[in-house]
C-alpha atoms as a PDB file:
ATOM      1  CA  MET A   1      93.828-141.669 142.146  1.00  0.00           C
ATOM      2  CA  ALA A   2      95.465-143.255 139.361  1.00  0.00           C
ATOM      3  CA  ALA A   3      95.518-140.308 137.574  1.00  0.00           C
ATOM      4  CA  GLU A   4      96.840-137.920 139.905  1.00  0.00           C
ATOM      5  CA  GLY A   5      99.489-140.037 140.891  1.00  0.00           C
ATOM      6  CA  ALA A   6     101.090-140.563 137.293  1.00  0.00           C
ATOM      7  CA  VAL A   7     101.222-136.856 137.388  1.00  0.00           C
ATOM      8  CA  ARG A   8     102.792-135.974 140.930  1.00  0.00           C
ATOM      9  CA  MET A   9     105.246-138.429 139.745  1.00  0.00           C
ATOM     10  CA  PRO A  10     106.864-136.453 136.597  1.00  0.00           C
ATOM     11  CA  ARG A  11     106.373-133.446 138.702  1.00  0.00           C
ATOM     12  CA  ARG A  12     108.570-134.718 141.557  1.00  0.00           C
ATOM     13  CA  ARG A  13     111.072-135.953 138.708  1.00  0.00           C
ATOM     14  CA  ARG A  14     111.384-132.372 136.927  1.00  0.00           C
ATOM     15  CA  GLU A  15     111.810-130.959 140.497  1.00  0.00           C
ATOM     16  CA  SER A  16     115.022-133.757 141.263  1.00  0.00           C
ATOM     17  CA  LYS A  17     116.546-132.820 137.576  1.00  0.00           C
ATOM     18  CA  ALA A  18     116.399-129.317 138.493  1.00  0.00           C
ATOM     19  CA  LEU A  19     118.232-129.653 141.421  1.00  0.00           C
ATOM     20  CA  LYS A  20     120.845-131.790 140.081  1.00  0.00           C
ATOM     21  CA  TYR A  21     121.374-129.729 137.378  1.00  0.00           C
ATOM     22  CA  VAL A  22     122.096-126.872 140.245  1.00  0.00           C
ATOM     23  CA  VAL A  23     123.912-128.549 142.431  1.00  0.00           C
ATOM     24  CA  VAL A  24     125.740-129.615 138.904  1.00  0.00           C
ATOM     25  CA  ALA A  25     126.172-125.947 138.099  1.00  0.00           C
ATOM     26  CA  LEU A  26     127.533-124.646 141.448  1.00  0.00           C
ATOM     27  CA  ILE A  27     129.913-127.473 141.271  1.00  0.00           C
ATOM     28  CA  ALA A  28     131.351-126.793 137.752  1.00  0.00           C
ATOM     29  CA  VAL A  29     131.474-122.684 139.470  1.00  0.00           C
ATOM     30  CA  PHE A  30     133.843-124.205 142.159  1.00  0.00           C
ATOM     31  CA  VAL A  31     136.108-126.189 140.429  1.00  0.00           C
ATOM     32  CA  VAL A  32     136.832-122.881 137.791  1.00  0.00           C
ATOM     33  CA  ALA A  33     137.017-120.761 140.174  1.00  0.00           C
ATOM     34  CA  VAL A  34     139.507-122.916 141.712  1.00  0.00           C
ATOM     35  CA  TYR A  35     141.278-123.483 138.445  1.00  0.00           C
ATOM     36  CA  VAL A  36     142.038-119.753 138.117  1.00  0.00           C
ATOM     37  CA  PHE A  37     142.565-119.287 141.380  1.00  0.00           C
ATOM     38  CA  LEU A  38     145.458-121.390 141.057  1.00  0.00           C
ATOM     39  CA  TYR A  39     146.346-120.725 137.039  1.00  0.00           C
ATOM     40  CA  ALA A  40     146.050-116.728 137.092  1.00  0.00           C
ATOM     41  CA  PRO A  41     149.334-116.093 138.519  1.00  0.00           C
ATOM     42  CA  MET A  42     151.309-118.030 136.059  1.00  0.00           C
ATOM     43  CA  ILE A  43     148.796-116.945 132.867  1.00  0.00           C
ATOM     44  CA  ILE A  44     149.668-112.931 133.883  1.00  0.00           C
ATOM     45  CA  THR A  45     153.328-113.643 134.294  1.00  0.00           C
ATOM     46  CA  ALA A  46     153.061-115.268 130.376  1.00  0.00           C
ATOM     47  CA  LEU A  47     151.126-112.014 129.506  1.00  0.00           C
ATOM     48  CA  PHE A  48     153.729-109.687 130.974  1.00  0.00           C
ATOM     49  CA  SER A  49     156.656-111.489 129.518  1.00  0.00           C
ATOM     50  CA  VAL A  50     155.313-110.186 125.334  1.00  0.00           C
ATOM     51  CA  ASN A  51     154.477-106.799 126.535  1.00  0.00           C
ATOM     52  CA  ASP A  52     157.043-104.374 124.402  1.00  0.00           C
ATOM     53  CA  SER A  53     157.227-102.153 128.359  1.00  0.00           C
ATOM     54  CA  LYS A  54     159.699-102.808 130.660  1.00  0.00           C
ATOM     55  CA  ILE A  55     156.730-101.171 133.658  1.00  0.00           C
ATOM     56  CA  GLN A  56     155.158-104.157 134.533  1.00  0.00           C
ATOM     57  CA  THR A  57     151.691-102.583 134.713  1.00  0.00           C
ATOM     58  CA  LEU A  58     148.590-101.818 132.148  1.00  0.00           C
ATOM     59  CA  PRO A  59     147.719-101.276 129.696  1.00  0.00           C
ATOM     60  CA  PHE A  60     149.790-103.440 127.660  1.00  0.00           C
ATOM     61  CA  ALA A  61     152.188-101.392 125.304  1.00  0.00           C
ATOM     62  CA  GLY A  62     152.372-103.955 122.647  1.00  0.00           C
ATOM     63  CA  PHE A  63     153.305-107.431 121.241  1.00  0.00           C
ATOM     64  CA  THR A  64     156.875-108.972 121.302  1.00  0.00           C
ATOM     65  CA  PHE A  65     159.707-111.788 121.811  1.00  0.00           C
ATOM     66  CA  LYS A  66     162.331-109.770 123.080  1.00  0.00           C
ATOM     67  CA  TRP A  67     162.592-110.559 126.765  1.00  0.00           C
ATOM     68  CA  PHE A  68     162.699-114.289 125.346  1.00  0.00           C
ATOM     69  CA  THR A  69     165.805-113.345 122.911  1.00  0.00           C
ATOM     70  CA  ALA A  70     167.559-111.219 125.460  1.00  0.00           C
ATOM     71  CA  LEU A  71     166.467-114.321 127.921  1.00  0.00           C
ATOM     72  CA  PHE A  72     168.574-116.360 125.620  1.00  0.00           C
ATOM     73  CA  ASN A  73     171.429-113.652 125.120  1.00  0.00           C
ATOM     74  CA  ASP A  74     171.946-113.502 128.754  1.00  0.00           C
ATOM     75  CA  GLY A  75     175.147-115.239 129.804  1.00  0.00           C
ATOM     76  CA  PRO A  76     174.719-115.786 133.591  1.00  0.00           C
ATOM     77  CA  MET A  77     170.888-116.420 133.003  1.00  0.00           C
ATOM     78  CA  LYS A  78     172.202-119.300 130.698  1.00  0.00           C
ATOM     79  CA  THR A  79     174.429-120.792 132.481  1.00  0.00           C
ATOM     80  CA  ALA A  80     172.157-121.199 135.156  1.00  0.00           C
ATOM     81  CA  ILE A  81     169.792-122.600 132.814  1.00  0.00           C
ATOM     82  CA  PHE A  82     172.455-125.479 131.872  1.00  0.00           C
ATOM     83  CA  TYR A  83     173.118-125.877 135.143  1.00  0.00           C
ATOM     84  CA  SER A  84     169.793-126.908 136.099  1.00  0.00           C
ATOM     85  CA  LEU A  85     168.912-128.732 133.260  1.00  0.00           C
ATOM     86  CA  LYS A  86     172.386-130.781 134.345  1.00  0.00           C
ATOM     87  CA  VAL A  87     171.360-131.132 138.024  1.00  0.00           C
ATOM     88  CA  ALA A  88     168.149-132.449 136.824  1.00  0.00           C
ATOM     89  CA  ALA A  89     169.103-134.523 134.954  1.00  0.00           C
ATOM     90  CA  VAL A  90     171.526-136.382 137.042  1.00  0.00           C
ATOM     91  CA  ALA A  91     169.281-136.124 140.448  1.00  0.00           C
ATOM     92  CA  VAL A  92     166.647-138.011 138.036  1.00  0.00           C
ATOM     93  CA  PHE A  93     168.829-140.910 136.674  1.00  0.00           C
ATOM     94  CA  VAL A  94     169.672-141.619 140.409  1.00  0.00           C
ATOM     95  CA  SER A  95     166.429-141.207 141.465  1.00  0.00           C
ATOM     96  CA  ALA A  96     164.939-143.597 139.090  1.00  0.00           C
ATOM     97  CA  CYS A  97     167.791-146.499 139.998  1.00  0.00           C
ATOM     98  CA  VAL A  98     167.299-146.226 143.812  1.00  0.00           C
ATOM     99  CA  GLY A  99     163.554-145.839 143.192  1.00  0.00           C
ATOM    100  CA  LEU A 100     163.186-148.496 141.027  1.00  0.00           C
ATOM    101  CA  ALA A 101     165.481-150.836 143.468  1.00  0.00           C
ATOM    102  CA  PHE A 102     163.506-149.729 146.743  1.00  0.00           C
ATOM    103  CA  ALA A 103     159.716-150.543 145.101  1.00  0.00           C
ATOM    104  CA  LEU A 104     160.786-154.130 143.724  1.00  0.00           C
ATOM    105  CA  MET A 105     162.625-154.989 147.213  1.00  0.00           C
ATOM    106  CA  ILE A 106     159.603-153.741 149.337  1.00  0.00           C
ATOM    107  CA  ASP A 107     157.594-155.865 146.521  1.00  0.00           C
ATOM    108  CA  ARG A 108     158.969-158.676 146.376  1.00  0.00           C
ATOM    109  CA  LEU A 109     160.981-159.482 149.283  1.00  0.00           C
ATOM    110  CA  LYS A 110     159.047-160.980 152.404  1.00  0.00           C
ATOM    111  CA  ILE A 111     160.205-158.926 155.425  1.00  0.00           C
ATOM    112  CA  ARG A 112     158.694-157.444 158.597  1.00  0.00           C
ATOM    113  CA  GLY A 113     157.704-153.236 158.935  1.00  0.00           C
ATOM    114  CA  LYS A 114     157.336-152.720 155.081  1.00  0.00           C
ATOM    115  CA  ALA A 115     154.962-149.842 156.563  1.00  0.00           C
ATOM    116  CA  VAL A 116     157.655-148.281 158.138  1.00  0.00           C
ATOM    117  CA  ILE A 117     160.528-148.342 155.597  1.00  0.00           C
ATOM    118  CA  GLN A 118     157.734-146.620 153.141  1.00  0.00           C
ATOM    119  CA  ALA A 119     157.322-143.776 156.235  1.00  0.00           C
ATOM    120  CA  LEU A 120     160.981-143.353 156.366  1.00  0.00           C
ATOM    121  CA  LEU A 121     161.894-142.689 152.655  1.00  0.00           C
ATOM    122  CA  ALA A 122     158.267-140.583 152.309  1.00  0.00           C
ATOM    123  CA  ALA A 123     159.477-138.296 154.826  1.00  0.00           C
ATOM    124  CA  PRO A 124     161.848-136.607 152.664  1.00  0.00           C
ATOM    125  CA  LEU A 125     158.896-135.763 150.359  1.00  0.00           C
ATOM    126  CA  VAL A 126     155.957-134.528 152.578  1.00  0.00           C
ATOM    127  CA  ALA A 127     159.227-132.280 154.667  1.00  0.00           C
ATOM    128  CA  PRO A 128     159.171-128.760 154.416  1.00  0.00           C
ATOM    129  CA  GLY A 129     162.249-127.757 151.863  1.00  0.00           C
ATOM    130  CA  LEU A 130     163.245-125.070 154.295  1.00  0.00           C
ATOM    131  CA  VAL A 131     164.139-128.140 156.981  1.00  0.00           C
ATOM    132  CA  LEU A 132     165.229-130.669 154.539  1.00  0.00           C
ATOM    133  CA  GLY A 133     167.986-128.158 152.914  1.00  0.00           C
ATOM    134  CA  ILE A 134     169.202-126.714 156.522  1.00  0.00           C
ATOM    135  CA  SER A 135     169.544-130.223 157.756  1.00  0.00           C
ATOM    136  CA  LEU A 136     171.188-131.475 154.848  1.00  0.00           C
ATOM    137  CA  LEU A 137     173.570-128.741 154.872  1.00  0.00           C
ATOM    138  CA  VAL A 138     174.378-129.534 158.465  1.00  0.00           C
ATOM    139  CA  ASN A 139     175.331-132.781 157.625  1.00  0.00           C
ATOM    140  CA  PHE A 140     177.581-131.789 154.845  1.00  0.00           C
ATOM    141  CA  HIS A 141     179.453-129.251 156.201  1.00  0.00           C
ATOM    142  CA  THR A 142     180.017-132.024 159.786  1.00  0.00           C
ATOM    143  CA  ALA A 143     181.141-133.961 156.777  1.00  0.00           C
ATOM    144  CA  LYS A 144     183.831-131.530 154.995  1.00  0.00           C
ATOM    145  CA  ILE A 145     181.687-131.627 151.955  1.00  0.00           C
ATOM    146  CA  GLU A 146     181.397-128.162 149.926  1.00  0.00           C
ATOM    147  CA  PRO A 147     178.016-126.781 148.837  1.00  0.00           C
ATOM    148  CA  GLY A 148     177.899-127.441 145.160  1.00  0.00           C
ATOM    149  CA  PHE A 149     177.082-129.854 142.788  1.00  0.00           C
ATOM    150  CA  PHE A 150     177.207-132.788 144.406  1.00  0.00           C
ATOM    151  CA  THR A 151     175.041-131.094 147.455  1.00  0.00           C
ATOM    152  CA  ILE A 152     172.784-130.150 145.091  1.00  0.00           C
ATOM    153  CA  VAL A 153     171.776-133.384 143.372  1.00  0.00           C
ATOM    154  CA  ALA A 154     172.123-135.188 147.215  1.00  0.00           C
ATOM    155  CA  GLY A 155     169.368-132.941 148.091  1.00  0.00           C
ATOM    156  CA  HIS A 156     167.134-133.375 144.923  1.00  0.00           C
ATOM    157  CA  VAL A 157     167.709-137.341 144.905  1.00  0.00           C
ATOM    158  CA  SER A 158     166.055-137.288 148.693  1.00  0.00           C
ATOM    159  CA  PHE A 159     162.955-136.183 147.580  1.00  0.00           C
ATOM    160  CA  ILE A 160     162.476-137.213 143.877  1.00  0.00           C
ATOM    161  CA  THR A 161     163.299-140.855 145.002  1.00  0.00           C
ATOM    162  CA  PRO A 162     160.369-141.874 147.241  1.00  0.00           C
ATOM    163  CA  LEU A 163     158.199-139.900 144.415  1.00  0.00           C
ATOM    164  CA  ILE A 164     159.378-142.589 141.618  1.00  0.00           C
ATOM    165  CA  MET A 165     159.405-145.252 144.439  1.00  0.00           C
ATOM    166  CA  PHE A 166     155.674-144.770 144.965  1.00  0.00           C
ATOM    167  CA  ILE A 167     154.749-144.584 141.819  1.00  0.00           C
ATOM    168  CA  LEU A 168     156.387-147.941 141.007  1.00  0.00           C
ATOM    169  CA  LEU A 169     154.697-149.493 143.870  1.00  0.00           C
ATOM    170  CA  GLN A 170     151.756-148.808 142.283  1.00  0.00           C
ATOM    171  CA  ARG A 171     152.582-150.430 139.246  1.00  0.00           C
ATOM    172  CA  LEU A 172     154.055-153.724 140.640  1.00  0.00           C
ATOM    173  CA  LYS A 173     150.757-154.327 142.714  1.00  0.00           C
ATOM    174  CA  THR A 174     149.058-154.943 139.721  1.00  0.00           C
ATOM    175  CA  ALA A 175     151.684-156.884 137.277  1.00  0.00           C
ATOM    176  CA  ASP A 176     151.182-160.541 136.782  1.00  0.00           C
ATOM    177  CA  PRO A 177     154.031-162.545 138.644  1.00  0.00           C
ATOM    178  CA  SER A 178     153.153-164.998 136.718  1.00  0.00           C
ATOM    179  CA  LEU A 179     155.415-163.565 133.530  1.00  0.00           C
ATOM    180  CA  GLU A 180     158.658-163.345 135.172  1.00  0.00           C
ATOM    181  CA  GLN A 181     158.394-167.216 137.065  1.00  0.00           C
ATOM    182  CA  ALA A 182     157.553-168.265 133.240  1.00  0.00           C
ATOM    183  CA  SER A 183     160.771-166.361 131.951  1.00  0.00           C
ATOM    184  CA  MET A 184     162.659-167.946 135.170  1.00  0.00           C
ATOM    185  CA  ASP A 185     160.824-171.547 133.852  1.00  0.00           C
ATOM    186  CA  CYS A 186     162.510-171.252 130.353  1.00  0.00           C
ATOM    187  CA  GLY A 187     166.299-170.951 131.364  1.00  0.00           C
ATOM    188  CA  ALA A 188     166.396-166.840 132.024  1.00  0.00           C
ATOM    189  CA  GLY A 189     168.345-165.977 134.585  1.00  0.00           C
ATOM    190  CA  PRO A 190     167.182-163.196 136.898  1.00  0.00           C
ATOM    191  CA  LEU A 191     168.983-160.110 135.072  1.00  0.00           C
ATOM    192  CA  ARG A 192     167.627-161.151 132.483  1.00  0.00           C
ATOM    193  CA  THR A 193     163.964-161.428 133.565  1.00  0.00           C
ATOM    194  CA  PHE A 194     164.480-158.087 134.630  1.00  0.00           C
ATOM    195  CA  TRP A 195     166.008-156.888 131.645  1.00  0.00           C
ATOM    196  CA  HIS A 196     163.305-158.777 129.114  1.00  0.00           C
ATOM    197  CA  VAL A 197     160.325-158.828 131.327  1.00  0.00           C
ATOM    198  CA  THR A 198     160.325-156.916 134.905  1.00  0.00           C
ATOM    199  CA  LEU A 199     161.637-153.519 133.360  1.00  0.00           C
ATOM    200  CA  PRO A 200     159.240-153.707 130.331  1.00  0.00           C
ATOM    201  CA  GLY A 201     156.504-153.586 131.910  1.00  0.00           C
ATOM    202  CA  VAL A 202     157.088-150.862 134.607  1.00  0.00           C
ATOM    203  CA  ARG A 203     158.520-148.315 131.801  1.00  0.00           C
ATOM    204  CA  VAL A 204     155.461-146.247 131.202  1.00  0.00           C
ATOM    205  CA  PRO A 205     155.082-145.624 135.459  1.00  0.00           C
ATOM    206  CA  LEU A 206     159.099-145.180 135.315  1.00  0.00           C
ATOM    207  CA  ILE A 207     158.727-142.478 132.411  1.00  0.00           C
ATOM    208  CA  ALA A 208     156.165-140.953 133.958  1.00  0.00           C
ATOM    209  CA  GLY A 209     157.815-140.837 137.396  1.00  0.00           C
ATOM    210  CA  CYS A 210     161.161-139.570 135.809  1.00  0.00           C
ATOM    211  CA  LEU A 211     159.226-136.770 134.284  1.00  0.00           C
ATOM    212  CA  LEU A 212     157.535-135.586 137.418  1.00  0.00           C
ATOM    213  CA  GLY A 213     160.820-135.506 139.007  1.00  0.00           C
ATOM    214  CA  PHE A 214     162.447-133.366 136.647  1.00  0.00           C
ATOM    215  CA  THR A 215     159.587-131.183 137.117  1.00  0.00           C
ATOM    216  CA  LEU A 216     160.193-131.224 140.450  1.00  0.00           C
ATOM    217  CA  SER A 217     164.061-130.724 140.255  1.00  0.00           C
ATOM    218  CA  MET A 218     163.774-127.584 138.329  1.00  0.00           C
ATOM    219  CA  ASP A 219     161.311-125.817 139.999  1.00  0.00           C
ATOM    220  CA  GLU A 220     163.468-126.496 143.859  1.00  0.00           C
ATOM    221  CA  ILE A 221     164.406-123.227 145.344  1.00  0.00           C
ATOM    222  CA  ALA A 222     163.942-123.857 149.016  1.00  0.00           C
ATOM    223  CA  SER A 223     166.550-126.809 149.737  1.00  0.00           C
ATOM    224  CA  THR A 224     168.442-125.938 146.787  1.00  0.00           C
ATOM    225  CA  PHE A 225     169.301-122.136 148.360  1.00  0.00           C
ATOM    226  CA  PHE A 226     170.733-124.064 151.024  1.00  0.00           C
ATOM    227  CA  LEU A 227     172.752-125.946 148.931  1.00  0.00           C
ATOM    228  CA  ALA A 228     173.631-123.936 146.138  1.00  0.00           C
ATOM    229  CA  GLY A 229     177.011-123.090 146.573  1.00  0.00           C
ATOM    230  CA  THR A 230     178.485-120.101 144.550  1.00  0.00           C
ATOM    231  CA  GLN A 231     177.005-121.770 141.453  1.00  0.00           C
ATOM    232  CA  PRO A 232     173.360-121.122 141.322  1.00  0.00           C
ATOM    233  CA  THR A 233     170.558-123.007 139.358  1.00  0.00           C
ATOM    234  CA  LEU A 234     167.751-121.083 137.763  1.00  0.00           C
ATOM    235  CA  PRO A 235     165.338-120.705 140.571  1.00  0.00           C
ATOM    236  CA  VAL A 236     167.816-119.548 143.148  1.00  0.00           C
ATOM    237  CA  TYR A 237     169.350-117.232 140.563  1.00  0.00           C
ATOM    238  CA  VAL A 238     166.154-115.689 139.973  1.00  0.00           C
ATOM    239  CA  TRP A 239     165.874-115.174 143.502  1.00  0.00           C
ATOM    240  CA  GLY A 240     168.711-113.105 143.625  1.00  0.00           C
ATOM    241  CA  LEU A 241     167.163-111.021 141.043  1.00  0.00           C
ATOM    242  CA  LEU A 242     164.246-110.741 142.739  1.00  0.00           C
ATOM    243  CA  ARG A 243     165.944-108.878 145.754  1.00  0.00           C
ATOM    244  CA  PHE A 244     167.298-106.132 143.573  1.00  0.00           C
ATOM    245  CA  GLY A 245     164.691-105.525 140.852  1.00  0.00           C
ATOM    246  CA  PHE A 246     163.979-107.400 137.549  1.00  0.00           C
ATOM    247  CA  THR A 247     163.973-107.208 134.257  1.00  0.00           C
ATOM    248  CA  PRO A 248     160.809-108.503 132.355  1.00  0.00           C
ATOM    249  CA  GLU A 249     163.458-111.163 131.334  1.00  0.00           C
ATOM    250  CA  VAL A 250     162.470-112.743 134.657  1.00  0.00           C
ATOM    251  CA  ASN A 251     158.423-113.242 133.364  1.00  0.00           C
ATOM    252  CA  ALA A 252     160.054-114.939 130.507  1.00  0.00           C
ATOM    253  CA  ALA A 253     162.238-117.184 132.658  1.00  0.00           C
ATOM    254  CA  PHE A 254     159.160-118.341 134.683  1.00  0.00           C
ATOM    255  CA  THR A 255     156.823-118.345 131.670  1.00  0.00           C
ATOM    256  CA  LEU A 256     159.532-121.052 129.991  1.00  0.00           C
ATOM    257  CA  ILE A 257     159.721-122.805 133.484  1.00  0.00           C
ATOM    258  CA  ALA A 258     156.077-122.702 134.001  1.00  0.00           C
ATOM    259  CA  GLY A 259     155.078-124.134 130.242  1.00  0.00           C
ATOM    260  CA  GLY A 260     157.879-127.213 130.784  1.00  0.00           C
ATOM    261  CA  SER A 261     156.417-127.977 134.172  1.00  0.00           C
ATOM    262  CA  LEU A 262     152.902-128.246 132.804  1.00  0.00           C
ATOM    263  CA  LEU A 263     153.798-129.970 129.946  1.00  0.00           C
ATOM    264  CA  LEU A 264     155.479-132.709 131.339  1.00  0.00           C
ATOM    265  CA  ILE A 265     153.102-133.085 134.124  1.00  0.00           C
ATOM    266  CA  GLY A 266     150.375-133.562 131.557  1.00  0.00           C
ATOM    267  CA  ILE A 267     152.514-136.231 129.648  1.00  0.00           C
ATOM    268  CA  ALA A 268     152.880-137.819 132.719  1.00  0.00           C
ATOM    269  CA  GLY A 269     149.429-137.582 134.056  1.00  0.00           C
ATOM    270  CA  VAL A 270     148.237-139.057 130.683  1.00  0.00           C
ATOM    271  CA  LEU A 271     150.808-141.871 130.676  1.00  0.00           C
ATOM    272  CA  LEU A 272     150.071-143.193 134.089  1.00  0.00           C
ATOM    273  CA  PHE A 273     146.368-143.010 133.166  1.00  0.00           C
ATOM    274  CA  PHE A 274     146.626-145.404 130.188  1.00  0.00           C
ATOM    275  CA  SER A 275     149.137-147.324 131.670  1.00  0.00           C
ATOM    276  CA  ALA A 276     146.810-148.057 134.454  1.00  0.00           C
ATOM    277  CA  ARG A 277     144.030-148.651 132.314  1.00  0.00           C
ATOM    278  CA  ARG A 278     145.628-150.790 130.655  1.00  0.00           C
ATOM    279  CA  ASN A 279     146.863-152.758 133.378  1.00  0.00           C
ATOM    280  CA  ARG A 280     144.018-153.127 135.907  1.00  0.00           C
ATOM    281  CA  LEU A 281     143.077-156.326 137.633  1.00  0.00           C
ATOM    282  CA  PRO A 282     140.773-159.111 136.342  1.00  0.00           C
ATOM    283  CA  GLU A 283     138.613-158.319 139.342  1.00  0.00           C
ATOM    284  CA  GLU A 284     138.320-154.617 138.340  1.00  0.00           C
ATOM    285  CA  THR A 285     137.553-155.319 134.867  1.00  0.00           C
ATOM    286  CA  LYS A 286     134.981-157.832 136.059  1.00  0.00           C
ATOM    287  CA  ALA A 287     133.306-155.029 138.386  1.00  0.00           C
ATOM    288  CA  SER A 288     133.147-152.173 136.000  1.00  0.00           C
ATOM    289  CA  ARG A 289     131.567-154.183 133.507  1.00  0.00           C
ATOM    290  CA  TRP A 290     128.698-155.472 136.476  1.00  0.00           C
ATOM    291  CA  ARG A 291     128.421-151.909 137.226  1.00  0.00           C
ATOM    292  CA  ARG A 292     127.696-150.738 133.507  1.00  0.00           C
ATOM    293  CA  ARG A 293     125.328-154.144 133.147  1.00  0.00           C
ATOM    294  CA  GLY A 294     123.439-152.988 136.290  1.00  0.00           C
ATOM    295  CA  ALA A 295     123.297-149.336 135.134  1.00  0.00           C
ATOM    296  CA  GLY A 296     121.835-150.309 131.685  1.00  0.00           C
ATOM    297  CA  ARG A 297     119.141-152.785 133.754  1.00  0.00           C
ATOM    298  CA  ARG A 298     118.506-149.597 135.840  1.00  0.00           C
ATOM    299  CA  SER A 299     117.993-147.638 133.435  1.00  0.00           C
ATOM    300  CA  ALA A 300     115.554-150.093 131.267  1.00  0.00           C
ATOM    301  CA  GLY A 301     113.616-150.408 134.626  1.00  0.00           C
ATOM    302  CA  ARG A 302     112.773-146.856 134.390  1.00  0.00           C
ATOM    303  CA  GLU A 303     111.638-146.840 131.008  1.00  0.00           C
ATOM    304  CA  ARG A 304     109.254-149.309 131.530  1.00  0.00           C
ATOM    305  CA  GLU A 305     107.956-147.674 134.643  1.00  0.00           C
ATOM    306  CA  VAL A 306     107.371-144.561 132.747  1.00  0.00           C
ATOM    307  CA  ALA A 307     105.514-145.968 129.912  1.00  0.00           C
ATOM    308  CA  PRO A 308     102.486-147.387 132.458  1.00  0.00           C
ATOM    309  CA  ASN A 309     102.312-143.583 133.863  1.00  0.00           C
ATOM    310  CA  SER A 310     102.517-142.302 130.425  1.00  0.00           C
ATOM    311  CA  ILE A 311      99.622-144.163 129.230  1.00  0.00           C
ATOM    312  CA  ALA A 312      97.509-143.538 132.142  1.00  0.00           C
ATOM    313  CA  GLN A 313      98.217-139.958 132.024  1.00  0.00           C
ATOM    314  CA  GLY A 314      96.883-139.820 128.450  1.00  0.00           C
ATOM    315  CA  ALA A 315      94.070-141.571 129.398  1.00  0.00           C
END
């Protein structure tokens, strides 16, 4: 009987391992399929941007970078690119200042209705760009403000500010308030404490939030279309070209935008990951250590269980 039980246990374990491998393989295939679905259009656009033919069909005529050269030799396209960079830089700077102020206010001040304030600030971030653009256009028209650089920056600030604020709030929740108290006890004023203690503590999440906000500003078209006026940003300019037909220069422009956006998102993700890992709470560090110890004990217990079974099977 003991020998039969020793034989059945390894079979069950082999069956459970096989089932586990099948489930992991199915999950991996599903994840890969999702990523292919998401990034296939960008990959195809990038391939057509280096195609030597003006016709966007297969097979490829040859490999060339002439469309990127033509892109930077196109006067209106260059103007739209630099205008977009200018709008994004100003919008991110204003959003960083306002988002940091709101994050400190919500985290430090003891006021009622913090959840309501956060929900109101997050509304422009989750609102459709079409609704946001039309609403801002109506407000600016009522205030007799002509669409232009200021209106575009205001529209971008409205959805970049909540993004930066929520990223900073997650960092402030894990910050040690005793550092600021020690700075105050040493004679530093509020401004010096903010500059030398608070700001360095949130520097990495602030940079990551600015990178993500810059990406959103460069890619935004729905709200910018209503707020641009006579000078379009790059997405609005390219949208105008699409209505009347376009050359492969547009593929080159989309490739640069997509590549730059992915690069900035990757840098922001890496910064947030290492910042969160370095500033974990002591309770979280202890919990992770206990989990590792528990996993080690369970694996040691399994080895002890397998050893008698293997001895009985050999006997």
